[in-house]
Amino acid sequence: MQVSKMLGHASFVTTLNVYADYISEAEGGKHAPLTRPVAAPAPQSVPKVANLR
């Protein structure tokens, strides 16, 4: 219920209605039809410093 208050929801029911699809069965929720977002790998950057040899 504290999360509901931090998010500004008047009731925990509102929070569950909004976020229930993101809670997996392993975490006590229903089977999530949406996949969790996955961060893209960081691009390989080219060094911006030249060797001074």
PDB file of N, CA and C in Angstrom:
ATOM      1  N   MET A   1       0.810  -1.191   0.000  1.00  0.00           N
ATOM      2  CA  MET A   1       0.000   0.000   0.000  1.00  0.00           C
ATOM      3  C   MET A   1       0.855   1.257   0.000  1.00  0.00           C
ATOM      4  N   GLN A   2       2.059   1.183   0.546  1.00  0.00           N
ATOM      5  CA  GLN A   2       2.917   2.363   0.552  1.00  0.00           C
ATOM      6  C   GLN A   2       3.321   2.756  -0.858  1.00  0.00           C
ATOM      7  N   VAL A   3       3.516   1.764  -1.726  1.00  0.00           N
ATOM      8  CA  VAL A   3       3.862   2.061  -3.113  1.00  0.00           C
ATOM      9  C   VAL A   3       2.730   2.836  -3.773  1.00  0.00           C
ATOM     10  N   SER A   4       1.504   2.450  -3.489  1.00  0.00           N
ATOM     11  CA  SER A   4       0.350   3.154  -4.050  1.00  0.00           C
ATOM     12  C   SER A   4       0.369   4.625  -3.654  1.00  0.00           C
ATOM     13  N   LYS A   5       0.675   4.883  -2.413  1.00  0.00           N
ATOM     14  CA  LYS A   5       0.716   6.266  -1.932  1.00  0.00           C
ATOM     15  C   LYS A   5       1.868   7.031  -2.575  1.00  0.00           C
ATOM     16  N   MET A   6       3.045   6.375  -2.728  1.00  0.00           N
ATOM     17  CA  MET A   6       4.185   7.039  -3.357  1.00  0.00           C
ATOM     18  C   MET A   6       3.887   7.383  -4.814  1.00  0.00           C
ATOM     19  N   LEU A   7       3.092   6.547  -5.476  1.00  0.00           N
ATOM     20  CA  LEU A   7       2.734   6.796  -6.867  1.00  0.00           C
ATOM     21  C   LEU A   7       1.565   7.774  -6.993  1.00  0.00           C
ATOM     22  N   GLY A   8       0.970   8.149  -5.865  1.00  0.00           N
ATOM     23  CA  GLY A   8      -0.123   9.098  -5.888  1.00  0.00           C
ATOM     24  C   GLY A   8      -1.479   8.480  -6.143  1.00  0.00           C
ATOM     25  N   HIS A   9      -1.573   7.136  -6.015  1.00  0.00           N
ATOM     26  CA  HIS A   9      -2.850   6.470  -6.216  1.00  0.00           C
ATOM     27  C   HIS A   9      -3.651   6.504  -4.918  1.00  0.00           C
ATOM     28  N   ALA A  10      -4.942   6.717  -5.050  1.00  0.00           N
ATOM     29  CA  ALA A  10      -5.811   6.770  -3.871  1.00  0.00           C
ATOM     30  C   ALA A  10      -5.984   5.392  -3.237  1.00  0.00           C
ATOM     31  N   SER A  11      -5.827   4.339  -4.028  1.00  0.00           N
ATOM     32  CA  SER A  11      -6.056   2.984  -3.544  1.00  0.00           C
ATOM     33  C   SER A  11      -5.033   2.028  -4.156  1.00  0.00           C
ATOM     34  N   PHE A  12      -4.704   0.964  -3.413  1.00  0.00           N
ATOM     35  CA  PHE A  12      -3.794  -0.041  -3.958  1.00  0.00           C
ATOM     36  C   PHE A  12      -4.433  -0.763  -5.136  1.00  0.00           C
ATOM     37  N   VAL A  13      -5.757  -0.763  -5.213  1.00  0.00           N
ATOM     38  CA  VAL A  13      -6.462  -1.399  -6.326  1.00  0.00           C
ATOM     39  C   VAL A  13      -6.102  -0.695  -7.640  1.00  0.00           C
ATOM     40  N   THR A  14      -5.991   0.626  -7.600  1.00  0.00           N
ATOM     41  CA  THR A  14      -5.595   1.384  -8.781  1.00  0.00           C
ATOM     42  C   THR A  14      -4.204   0.959  -9.230  1.00  0.00           C
ATOM     43  N   THR A  15      -3.281   0.838  -8.294  1.00  0.00           N
ATOM     44  CA  THR A  15      -1.912   0.427  -8.612  1.00  0.00           C
ATOM     45  C   THR A  15      -1.899  -0.956  -9.245  1.00  0.00           C
ATOM     46  N   LEU A  16      -2.645  -1.891  -8.673  1.00  0.00           N
ATOM     47  CA  LEU A  16      -2.691  -3.246  -9.231  1.00  0.00           C
ATOM     48  C   LEU A  16      -3.316  -3.263 -10.618  1.00  0.00           C
ATOM     49  N   ASN A  17      -4.347  -2.475 -10.831  1.00  0.00           N
ATOM     50  CA  ASN A  17      -4.978  -2.419 -12.147  1.00  0.00           C
ATOM     51  C   ASN A  17      -4.020  -1.883 -13.212  1.00  0.00           C
ATOM     52  N   VAL A  18      -3.193  -0.926 -12.825  1.00  0.00           N
ATOM     53  CA  VAL A  18      -2.264  -0.312 -13.776  1.00  0.00           C
ATOM     54  C   VAL A  18      -1.053  -1.207 -14.027  1.00  0.00           C
ATOM     55  N   TYR A  19      -0.496  -1.784 -12.972  1.00  0.00           N
ATOM     56  CA  TYR A  19       0.789  -2.477 -13.090  1.00  0.00           C
ATOM     57  C   TYR A  19       0.719  -4.000 -13.024  1.00  0.00           C
ATOM     58  N   ALA A  20      -0.454  -4.591 -12.913  1.00  0.00           N
ATOM     59  CA  ALA A  20      -0.580  -6.042 -12.753  1.00  0.00           C
ATOM     60  C   ALA A  20       0.041  -6.814 -13.917  1.00  0.00           C
ATOM     61  N   ASP A  21       0.006  -6.270 -15.120  1.00  0.00           N
ATOM     62  CA  ASP A  21       0.560  -6.976 -16.275  1.00  0.00           C
ATOM     63  C   ASP A  21       2.077  -7.090 -16.212  1.00  0.00           C
ATOM     64  N   TYR A  22       2.723  -6.326 -15.354  1.00  0.00           N
ATOM     65  CA  TYR A  22       4.182  -6.354 -15.260  1.00  0.00           C
ATOM     66  C   TYR A  22       4.686  -7.221 -14.117  1.00  0.00           C
ATOM     67  N   ILE A  23       3.785  -7.795 -13.322  1.00  0.00           N
ATOM     68  CA  ILE A  23       4.179  -8.647 -12.203  1.00  0.00           C
ATOM     69  C   ILE A  23       4.117 -10.093 -12.671  1.00  0.00           C
ATOM     70  N   SER A  24       5.249 -10.784 -12.623  1.00  0.00           N
ATOM     71  CA  SER A  24       5.297 -12.161 -13.117  1.00  0.00           C
ATOM     72  C   SER A  24       4.637 -13.120 -12.123  1.00  0.00           C
ATOM     73  N   GLU A  25       4.340 -14.318 -12.602  1.00  0.00           N
ATOM     74  CA  GLU A  25       3.755 -15.335 -11.731  1.00  0.00           C
ATOM     75  C   GLU A  25       4.701 -15.677 -10.598  1.00  0.00           C
ATOM     76  N   ALA A  26       6.000 -15.693 -10.873  1.00  0.00           N
ATOM     77  CA  ALA A  26       6.981 -16.010  -9.846  1.00  0.00           C
ATOM     78  C   ALA A  26       6.968 -14.974  -8.727  1.00  0.00           C
ATOM     79  N   GLU A  27       6.525 -13.762  -9.041  1.00  0.00           N
ATOM     80  CA  GLU A  27       6.468 -12.691  -8.042  1.00  0.00           C
ATOM     81  C   GLU A  27       5.076 -12.568  -7.433  1.00  0.00           C
ATOM     82  N   GLY A  28       4.197 -13.521  -7.735  1.00  0.00           N
ATOM     83  CA  GLY A  28       2.873 -13.519  -7.138  1.00  0.00           C
ATOM     84  C   GLY A  28       1.783 -12.937  -8.016  1.00  0.00           C
ATOM     85  N   GLY A  29       2.103 -12.591  -9.242  1.00  0.00           N
ATOM     86  CA  GLY A  29       1.105 -12.025 -10.146  1.00  0.00           C
ATOM     87  C   GLY A  29       0.607 -13.057 -11.139  1.00  0.00           C
ATOM     88  N   LYS A  30      -0.249 -12.602 -12.026  1.00  0.00           N
ATOM     89  CA  LYS A  30      -0.731 -13.496 -13.068  1.00  0.00           C
ATOM     90  C   LYS A  30       0.333 -13.616 -14.163  1.00  0.00           C
ATOM     91  N   HIS A  31       0.127 -14.534 -15.077  1.00  0.00           N
ATOM     92  CA  HIS A  31       1.064 -14.682 -16.183  1.00  0.00           C
ATOM     93  C   HIS A  31       1.099 -13.372 -16.965  1.00  0.00           C
ATOM     94  N   ALA A  32       2.263 -12.764 -17.055  1.00  0.00           N
ATOM     95  CA  ALA A  32       2.389 -11.455 -17.689  1.00  0.00           C
ATOM     96  C   ALA A  32       2.357 -11.598 -19.213  1.00  0.00           C
ATOM     97  N   PRO A  33       1.392 -10.981 -19.898  1.00  0.00           N
ATOM     98  CA  PRO A  33       1.334 -11.053 -21.354  1.00  0.00           C
ATOM     99  C   PRO A  33       2.386 -10.168 -22.028  1.00  0.00           C
ATOM    100  N   LEU A  34       2.904  -9.212 -21.280  1.00  0.00           N
ATOM    101  CA  LEU A  34       3.924  -8.316 -21.837  1.00  0.00           C
ATOM    102  C   LEU A  34       5.294  -8.756 -21.352  1.00  0.00           C
ATOM    103  N   THR A  35       6.275  -8.609 -22.181  1.00  0.00           N
ATOM    104  CA  THR A  35       7.631  -8.937 -21.755  1.00  0.00           C
ATOM    105  C   THR A  35       8.231  -7.735 -21.047  1.00  0.00           C
ATOM    106  N   ARG A  36       9.134  -8.018 -20.162  1.00  0.00           N
ATOM    107  CA  ARG A  36       9.810  -6.934 -19.450  1.00  0.00           C
ATOM    108  C   ARG A  36      10.795  -6.263 -20.391  1.00  0.00           C
ATOM    109  N   PRO A  37      10.931  -4.966 -20.285  1.00  0.00           N
ATOM    110  CA  PRO A  37      11.886  -4.261 -21.139  1.00  0.00           C
ATOM    111  C   PRO A  37      13.313  -4.717 -20.844  1.00  0.00           C
ATOM    112  N   VAL A  38      14.115  -4.805 -21.874  1.00  0.00           N
ATOM    113  CA  VAL A  38      15.513  -5.194 -21.733  1.00  0.00           C
ATOM    114  C   VAL A  38      16.364  -4.066 -22.297  1.00  0.00           C
ATOM    115  N   ALA A  39      17.357  -3.668 -21.536  1.00  0.00           N
ATOM    116  CA  ALA A  39      18.228  -2.585 -21.980  1.00  0.00           C
ATOM    117  C   ALA A  39      19.069  -3.049 -23.170  1.00  0.00           C
ATOM    118  N   ALA A  40      19.219  -2.167 -24.121  1.00  0.00           N
ATOM    119  CA  ALA A  40      20.053  -2.468 -25.288  1.00  0.00           C
ATOM    120  C   ALA A  40      21.521  -2.430 -24.864  1.00  0.00           C
ATOM    121  N   PRO A  41      22.349  -3.267 -25.456  1.00  0.00           N
ATOM    122  CA  PRO A  41      23.768  -3.228 -25.097  1.00  0.00           C
ATOM    123  C   PRO A  41      24.377  -1.882 -25.476  1.00  0.00           C
ATOM    124  N   ALA A  42      25.324  -1.475 -24.673  1.00  0.00           N
ATOM    125  CA  ALA A  42      25.988  -0.195 -24.931  1.00  0.00           C
ATOM    126  C   ALA A  42      26.787  -0.292 -26.229  1.00  0.00           C
ATOM    127  N   PRO A  43      26.722   0.727 -27.062  1.00  0.00           N
ATOM    128  CA  PRO A  43      27.491   0.692 -28.310  1.00  0.00           C
ATOM    129  C   PRO A  43      28.984   0.744 -28.021  1.00  0.00           C
ATOM    130  N   GLN A  44      29.741   0.094 -28.871  1.00  0.00           N
ATOM    131  CA  GLN A  44      31.192   0.120 -28.732  1.00  0.00           C
ATOM    132  C   GLN A  44      31.685   1.494 -29.152  1.00  0.00           C
ATOM    133  N   SER A  45      32.317   2.171 -28.240  1.00  0.00           N
ATOM    134  CA  SER A  45      32.770   3.528 -28.555  1.00  0.00           C
ATOM    135  C   SER A  45      34.224   3.508 -29.033  1.00  0.00           C
ATOM    136  N   VAL A  46      34.537   4.450 -29.867  1.00  0.00           N
ATOM    137  CA  VAL A  46      35.899   4.619 -30.384  1.00  0.00           C
ATOM    138  C   VAL A  46      36.619   5.566 -29.445  1.00  0.00           C
ATOM    139  N   PRO A  47      37.820   5.203 -28.990  1.00  0.00           N
ATOM    140  CA  PRO A  47      38.549   6.100 -28.092  1.00  0.00           C
ATOM    141  C   PRO A  47      38.780   7.459 -28.752  1.00  0.00           C
ATOM    142  N   LYS A  48      38.643   8.505 -27.971  1.00  0.00           N
ATOM    143  CA  LYS A  48      38.806   9.859 -28.498  1.00  0.00           C
ATOM    144  C   LYS A  48      40.158  10.448 -28.132  1.00  0.00           C
ATOM    145  N   VAL A  49      41.057   9.569 -27.714  1.00  0.00           N
ATOM    146  CA  VAL A  49      42.396  10.012 -27.341  1.00  0.00           C
ATOM    147  C   VAL A  49      43.396   9.300 -28.252  1.00  0.00           C
ATOM    148  N   ALA A  50      44.325  10.040 -28.811  1.00  0.00           N
ATOM    149  CA  ALA A  50      45.345   9.467 -29.703  1.00  0.00           C
ATOM    150  C   ALA A  50      46.573   9.095 -28.886  1.00  0.00           C
ATOM    151  N   ASN A  51      47.207   7.981 -29.263  1.00  0.00           N
ATOM    152  CA  ASN A  51      48.454   7.602 -28.617  1.00  0.00           C
ATOM    153  C   ASN A  51      49.569   8.561 -29.046  1.00  0.00           C
ATOM    154  N   LEU A  52      50.341   9.037 -28.100  1.00  0.00           N
ATOM    155  CA  LEU A  52      51.445   9.967 -28.380  1.00  0.00           C
ATOM    156  C   LEU A  52      52.758   9.215 -28.247  1.00  0.00           C
ATOM    157  N   ARG A  53      53.113   8.438 -29.243  1.00  0.00           N
ATOM    158  CA  ARG A  53      54.371   7.682 -29.204  1.00  0.00           C
ATOM    159  C   ARG A  53      55.283   8.169 -30.272  1.00  0.00           C
TER     160      ARG A  53
END
